[in-house]
Amino acid sequence: MSENNIIERMPGESTDLALHTALCEQRYSQLITKFDQVDTRLDKIEAMLVAIREQLSTDQTAQFKMYLAWAGVIIAGLAGTLSHFILK
């Protein structure tokens, strides 16, 4: 994380409008910079979450297909065994 460089109150700031305005401009600029950094980080986190969701969905689909294939094999095996005993 970056170091916080907060602009402290300066003597005379409350009585000198020009000094107060200049310091407020710097503070505002720092706030905007911090918000931009947070926004960038949130975009990265959102992209990672989307990738995780897509991977989970892909994994679930693959797992479902595997279960379906095994069910087909079991049903075919049972049908073959059953038909063997019925036709005998």
N, C-alpha and C. Protein backbone atom coordinates (compact mmCIF):
# COMPACT_ATOMS: atom_id res chain seq x y z
N MET A 1 0.83 -1.18 0.00
CA MET A 1 0.00 0.00 0.00
C MET A 1 0.88 1.24 0.00
N SER A 2 0.36 2.28 -0.55
CA SER A 2 1.12 3.52 -0.62
C SER A 2 1.01 4.29 0.68
N GLU A 3 1.99 5.11 0.90
CA GLU A 3 2.03 5.94 2.10
C GLU A 3 1.04 7.09 1.95
N ASN A 4 0.37 7.41 3.05
CA ASN A 4 -0.57 8.53 3.02
C ASN A 4 0.19 9.83 3.25
N ASN A 5 0.14 10.71 2.29
CA ASN A 5 0.78 12.03 2.41
C ASN A 5 -0.31 13.08 2.59
N ILE A 6 -0.81 13.16 3.81
CA ILE A 6 -1.89 14.10 4.09
C ILE A 6 -1.30 15.49 4.29
N ILE A 7 -1.92 16.45 3.64
CA ILE A 7 -1.47 17.83 3.79
C ILE A 7 -2.07 18.36 5.08
N GLU A 8 -1.19 18.65 6.04
CA GLU A 8 -1.62 19.12 7.36
C GLU A 8 -2.09 20.57 7.30
N ARG A 9 -2.83 20.95 8.32
CA ARG A 9 -3.23 22.36 8.45
C ARG A 9 -2.00 23.20 8.63
N MET A 10 -2.00 24.33 8.01
CA MET A 10 -0.86 25.24 8.10
C MET A 10 -1.28 26.49 8.89
N PRO A 11 -0.32 27.06 9.59
CA PRO A 11 -0.63 28.30 10.29
C PRO A 11 -1.08 29.37 9.29
N GLY A 12 -2.11 30.06 9.63
CA GLY A 12 -2.61 31.12 8.75
C GLY A 12 -3.58 30.64 7.71
N GLU A 13 -3.80 29.32 7.61
CA GLU A 13 -4.72 28.80 6.59
C GLU A 13 -6.14 29.30 6.82
N SER A 14 -6.54 29.42 8.08
CA SER A 14 -7.91 29.83 8.35
C SER A 14 -8.14 31.32 8.11
N THR A 15 -7.05 32.10 7.98
CA THR A 15 -7.23 33.54 7.75
C THR A 15 -6.82 33.97 6.35
N ASP A 16 -6.04 33.15 5.67
CA ASP A 16 -5.55 33.50 4.33
C ASP A 16 -6.32 32.67 3.29
N LEU A 17 -7.24 33.29 2.62
CA LEU A 17 -8.10 32.59 1.66
C LEU A 17 -7.28 31.98 0.52
N ALA A 18 -6.27 32.69 0.03
CA ALA A 18 -5.45 32.17 -1.08
C ALA A 18 -4.69 30.91 -0.64
N LEU A 19 -4.13 30.92 0.57
CA LEU A 19 -3.43 29.75 1.09
C LEU A 19 -4.41 28.60 1.28
N HIS A 20 -5.55 28.90 1.86
CA HIS A 20 -6.58 27.88 2.07
C HIS A 20 -7.02 27.26 0.74
N THR A 21 -7.24 28.08 -0.25
CA THR A 21 -7.67 27.60 -1.57
C THR A 21 -6.60 26.71 -2.20
N ALA A 22 -5.35 27.14 -2.10
CA ALA A 22 -4.25 26.34 -2.67
C ALA A 22 -4.14 24.99 -1.97
N LEU A 23 -4.25 24.98 -0.64
CA LEU A 23 -4.16 23.72 0.10
C LEU A 23 -5.36 22.82 -0.19
N CYS A 24 -6.53 23.41 -0.32
CA CYS A 24 -7.73 22.62 -0.66
C CYS A 24 -7.58 22.00 -2.05
N GLU A 25 -7.00 22.72 -2.96
CA GLU A 25 -6.77 22.19 -4.31
C GLU A 25 -5.84 20.98 -4.26
N GLN A 26 -4.79 21.08 -3.45
CA GLN A 26 -3.87 19.95 -3.31
C GLN A 26 -4.56 18.76 -2.65
N ARG A 27 -5.33 19.04 -1.60
CA ARG A 27 -6.05 17.96 -0.91
C ARG A 27 -7.05 17.29 -1.85
N TYR A 28 -7.77 18.09 -2.60
CA TYR A 28 -8.74 17.56 -3.54
C TYR A 28 -8.04 16.70 -4.60
N SER A 29 -6.91 17.16 -5.07
CA SER A 29 -6.14 16.40 -6.05
C SER A 29 -5.72 15.05 -5.47
N GLN A 30 -5.29 15.05 -4.21
CA GLN A 30 -4.92 13.79 -3.56
C GLN A 30 -6.12 12.85 -3.45
N LEU A 31 -7.28 13.41 -3.11
CA LEU A 31 -8.48 12.59 -3.02
C LEU A 31 -8.82 11.95 -4.36
N ILE A 32 -8.75 12.74 -5.41
CA ILE A 32 -9.04 12.22 -6.75
C ILE A 32 -8.06 11.10 -7.11
N THR A 33 -6.78 11.31 -6.81
CA THR A 33 -5.77 10.29 -7.08
C THR A 33 -6.09 9.01 -6.32
N LYS A 34 -6.43 9.13 -5.05
CA LYS A 34 -6.76 7.95 -4.24
C LYS A 34 -8.00 7.24 -4.78
N PHE A 35 -9.02 8.01 -5.15
CA PHE A 35 -10.22 7.39 -5.72
C PHE A 35 -9.90 6.67 -7.03
N ASP A 36 -9.04 7.24 -7.83
CA ASP A 36 -8.63 6.58 -9.08
C ASP A 36 -7.91 5.27 -8.78
N GLN A 37 -7.05 5.27 -7.76
CA GLN A 37 -6.33 4.06 -7.38
C GLN A 37 -7.30 2.98 -6.88
N VAL A 38 -8.25 3.39 -6.06
CA VAL A 38 -9.24 2.45 -5.55
C VAL A 38 -10.09 1.90 -6.70
N ASP A 39 -10.47 2.77 -7.61
CA ASP A 39 -11.27 2.34 -8.76
C ASP A 39 -10.51 1.32 -9.60
N THR A 40 -9.23 1.56 -9.81
CA THR A 40 -8.39 0.63 -10.57
C THR A 40 -8.32 -0.73 -9.86
N ARG A 41 -8.12 -0.69 -8.55
CA ARG A 41 -8.06 -1.94 -7.79
C ARG A 41 -9.38 -2.69 -7.83
N LEU A 42 -10.48 -1.96 -7.72
CA LEU A 42 -11.80 -2.61 -7.78
C LEU A 42 -12.05 -3.23 -9.15
N ASP A 43 -11.59 -2.56 -10.20
CA ASP A 43 -11.73 -3.13 -11.55
C ASP A 43 -10.97 -4.45 -11.66
N LYS A 44 -9.77 -4.50 -11.07
CA LYS A 44 -8.98 -5.73 -11.09
C LYS A 44 -9.67 -6.84 -10.30
N ILE A 45 -10.21 -6.49 -9.14
CA ILE A 45 -10.91 -7.47 -8.31
C ILE A 45 -12.15 -7.99 -9.05
N GLU A 46 -12.88 -7.09 -9.69
CA GLU A 46 -14.06 -7.49 -10.44
C GLU A 46 -13.68 -8.45 -11.58
N ALA A 47 -12.60 -8.15 -12.27
CA ALA A 47 -12.16 -9.02 -13.36
C ALA A 47 -11.78 -10.40 -12.84
N MET A 48 -11.12 -10.44 -11.68
CA MET A 48 -10.75 -11.73 -11.09
C MET A 48 -12.00 -12.52 -10.68
N LEU A 49 -12.99 -11.84 -10.12
CA LEU A 49 -14.22 -12.52 -9.72
C LEU A 49 -14.97 -13.08 -10.92
N VAL A 50 -14.99 -12.33 -12.00
CA VAL A 50 -15.63 -12.82 -13.23
C VAL A 50 -14.91 -14.06 -13.75
N ALA A 51 -13.58 -14.03 -13.72
CA ALA A 51 -12.80 -15.18 -14.18
C ALA A 51 -13.05 -16.40 -13.29
N ILE A 52 -13.14 -16.19 -11.99
CA ILE A 52 -13.42 -17.29 -11.05
C ILE A 52 -14.80 -17.87 -11.32
N ARG A 53 -15.80 -16.98 -11.52
CA ARG A 53 -17.16 -17.45 -11.79
C ARG A 53 -17.21 -18.27 -13.08
N GLU A 54 -16.52 -17.80 -14.11
CA GLU A 54 -16.51 -18.53 -15.39
C GLU A 54 -15.83 -19.88 -15.23
N GLN A 55 -14.74 -19.93 -14.46
CA GLN A 55 -14.03 -21.20 -14.26
C GLN A 55 -14.90 -22.18 -13.48
N LEU A 56 -15.59 -21.68 -12.45
CA LEU A 56 -16.48 -22.55 -11.68
C LEU A 56 -17.60 -23.10 -12.56
N SER A 57 -18.14 -22.25 -13.41
CA SER A 57 -19.20 -22.68 -14.31
C SER A 57 -18.69 -23.75 -15.27
N THR A 58 -17.51 -23.54 -15.81
CA THR A 58 -16.90 -24.52 -16.73
C THR A 58 -16.64 -25.83 -16.01
N ASP A 59 -16.12 -25.76 -14.78
CA ASP A 59 -15.84 -26.97 -14.01
C ASP A 59 -17.13 -27.73 -13.69
N GLN A 60 -18.19 -26.99 -13.34
CA GLN A 60 -19.46 -27.65 -13.03
C GLN A 60 -20.03 -28.33 -14.27
N THR A 61 -19.92 -27.69 -15.41
CA THR A 61 -20.42 -28.28 -16.65
C THR A 61 -19.65 -29.56 -16.98
N ALA A 62 -18.33 -29.53 -16.84
CA ALA A 62 -17.51 -30.71 -17.11
C ALA A 62 -17.86 -31.84 -16.13
N GLN A 63 -18.05 -31.48 -14.88
CA GLN A 63 -18.39 -32.49 -13.87
C GLN A 63 -19.76 -33.10 -14.18
N PHE A 64 -20.72 -32.27 -14.57
CA PHE A 64 -22.05 -32.78 -14.92
C PHE A 64 -21.97 -33.74 -16.10
N LYS A 65 -21.17 -33.39 -17.10
CA LYS A 65 -21.03 -34.27 -18.27
C LYS A 65 -20.41 -35.60 -17.87
N MET A 66 -19.45 -35.57 -16.94
CA MET A 66 -18.82 -36.80 -16.48
C MET A 66 -19.85 -37.67 -15.75
N TYR A 67 -20.64 -37.06 -14.86
CA TYR A 67 -21.67 -37.81 -14.15
C TYR A 67 -22.68 -38.40 -15.12
N LEU A 68 -23.05 -37.63 -16.13
CA LEU A 68 -24.00 -38.09 -17.13
C LEU A 68 -23.44 -39.29 -17.90
N ALA A 69 -22.17 -39.24 -18.24
CA ALA A 69 -21.53 -40.35 -18.96
C ALA A 69 -21.51 -41.60 -18.08
N TRP A 70 -21.15 -41.43 -16.81
CA TRP A 70 -21.13 -42.58 -15.90
C TRP A 70 -22.53 -43.16 -15.72
N ALA A 71 -23.54 -42.29 -15.63
CA ALA A 71 -24.92 -42.78 -15.50
C ALA A 71 -25.30 -43.58 -16.75
N GLY A 72 -24.90 -43.10 -17.91
CA GLY A 72 -25.18 -43.81 -19.16
C GLY A 72 -24.52 -45.18 -19.18
N VAL A 73 -23.28 -45.25 -18.72
CA VAL A 73 -22.55 -46.53 -18.69
C VAL A 73 -23.25 -47.49 -17.73
N ILE A 74 -23.63 -46.99 -16.57
CA ILE A 74 -24.30 -47.85 -15.58
C ILE A 74 -25.65 -48.34 -16.10
N ILE A 75 -26.41 -47.43 -16.69
CA ILE A 75 -27.72 -47.83 -17.24
C ILE A 75 -27.56 -48.83 -18.36
N ALA A 76 -26.59 -48.59 -19.24
CA ALA A 76 -26.36 -49.54 -20.34
C ALA A 76 -25.92 -50.89 -19.78
N GLY A 77 -25.09 -50.88 -18.76
CA GLY A 77 -24.65 -52.15 -18.15
C GLY A 77 -25.81 -52.88 -17.50
N LEU A 78 -26.63 -52.15 -16.77
CA LEU A 78 -27.79 -52.79 -16.14
C LEU A 78 -28.77 -53.30 -17.18
N ALA A 79 -29.00 -52.53 -18.24
CA ALA A 79 -29.91 -52.97 -19.31
C ALA A 79 -29.35 -54.22 -19.99
N GLY A 80 -28.06 -54.25 -20.23
CA GLY A 80 -27.46 -55.43 -20.85
C GLY A 80 -27.56 -56.65 -19.97
N THR A 81 -27.30 -56.47 -18.68
CA THR A 81 -27.39 -57.59 -17.74
C THR A 81 -28.83 -58.07 -17.63
N LEU A 82 -29.75 -57.14 -17.53
CA LEU A 82 -31.17 -57.48 -17.41
C LEU A 82 -31.66 -58.21 -18.66
N SER A 83 -31.28 -57.69 -19.84
CA SER A 83 -31.72 -58.35 -21.08
C SER A 83 -31.09 -59.74 -21.20
N HIS A 84 -29.90 -59.91 -20.69
CA HIS A 84 -29.24 -61.22 -20.73
C HIS A 84 -30.07 -62.24 -19.92
N PHE A 85 -30.53 -61.81 -18.73
CA PHE A 85 -31.30 -62.75 -17.90
C PHE A 85 -32.72 -62.96 -18.44
N ILE A 86 -33.30 -61.93 -19.05
CA ILE A 86 -34.67 -62.06 -19.58
C ILE A 86 -34.68 -62.94 -20.82
N LEU A 87 -33.68 -62.81 -21.69
CA LEU A 87 -33.65 -63.58 -22.94
C LEU A 87 -33.14 -64.98 -22.74
N LYS A 88 -32.64 -65.31 -21.61
CA LYS A 88 -32.10 -66.65 -21.37
C LYS A 88 -33.15 -67.68 -21.22
